[in-house]
Each structure stands twice: as C-alpha cells, then as structure tokens.
Amino acid sequence: MDAVRVALLREVLAGTEWLGATRRFAGVLRGSVVSHGGGLLLVGTSRYEPWHLAAHLVDEAAWSGTPELAPTLVRHGARPSDPAHLAVGLGRLEAARRGETLLVVAPDGPGGCLCERIHDARRAGATVLALGSGDRDLAALAHESLAVPDGSELDLDTVQHLVSAAAGENALPAPRGRGRLRDRLSRLADSLTAPPPARW
C-alpha cells in the first residue's frame, strides 16, 4: 500500500478509534527502537510470518531516515541455506537483551513454544510489543499491544499498513519555523509522488 492509499484510508477512518490506536502503537514502536539505537526483532507464528510488515518497515526506515525501524525478521522455519535476511531462526529470541524491541504479530495467538521464548526475551530486558487478535497470554507478555479482534472494521493486514506508515512519518524531524504554505504543500506533494525505493 503506497502513501496515497494510506492517506485515503486515513480519510475514510477519520473519527474512528483506529487512527489514534495505530498512531499510539507506532509511537511506542518508534520510541522504543530509536531511544535504544535499533535492535528491532519481528516475529510471527508458525502459521503466519509477517513478511509484508517487514518489507514496509524497511521502506519506512529508508524513507524517514530512521534505520532503527528496519527489522530483523525472525522465522520459525529458517534454514542456513536461506538468504541472510531470511535465515534468522527462533534462536535469535533467546539472545534478545535489554535495549532490543520484539514485535510479535500473532493473528491467532502465539502458541506455547513461542510464548516461552517471548517471556524469556522480556525477562532478559527486551521490550515486547504485540499485534494480534487480542490473545490474553500475548497481551500479558507485551509492554504494549494493539488488538484487532475478528469481526473488526479492519483486518490485521490493514492495521499493519497503518502502523508501519505512522512509525515512519512520526520519525520525520519537525520542520523549523512555520515556512510558507506553498513550501509545505510542495514538500507534501513531493513526498506523496516520490517513487518508492527498491524492495528487498
């Protein structure tokens, strides 16, 4: 989903709880990784790997000039023969430490094995954030969570788009002075029409 579609989606969602909720969650995510200098681990479940969110966070990291937002995708079925950025297995969660952020995306709850690893990462000092259906076990492990229950107006994929976009835009430095309206509109038009960088 490109910046224009995200902007249109935000217009449609104006006045709903989703804009504020996704921006708050994105602010916690951005604040956690930026204040600690990076170390974002992104993990899904054995049935759901958040590839799409990983790609969007890499894009937002590049567009916003905030490299800390680029995650390490931790995979359940990672093999040593996979490309380096896809070969990080669950053992990486055991090495999580203070200053790192673990973002868990779990549409149906994390399951016992993953819950134990998340608990260990939290106990070692990692900040745990969760996106999912509102699973109680995962919410109890997370420092911050955003629930997308079944039957919501939005699905989890759409919420991930809103979160990644907000994380990148919130990272932009505040403009100095008010500037002229024409200059601000020009910058907005440039950012909305700029071609995206190459995907990984």
Foldseek 3Di string as FASTA:
>chain_A
DAPVVLVVVCVVCPPHCLLVLLLVLLVVVLCLQVVLVAAEEEEEAQVDFPPVLLQLQCLLCVLQVNVNSRYQGEHCPADPPDPPSRRHYLVVLLVAAASHEYEYEYAPDHDDVVLVSLQNNVVRHYAYEYEYQPDPSSVVSHPYYDHDHPPHPDDSVSSSVSNSVSNSVVSHDDDPDDDDPVVVVVVVVCSRPPDTDDTD
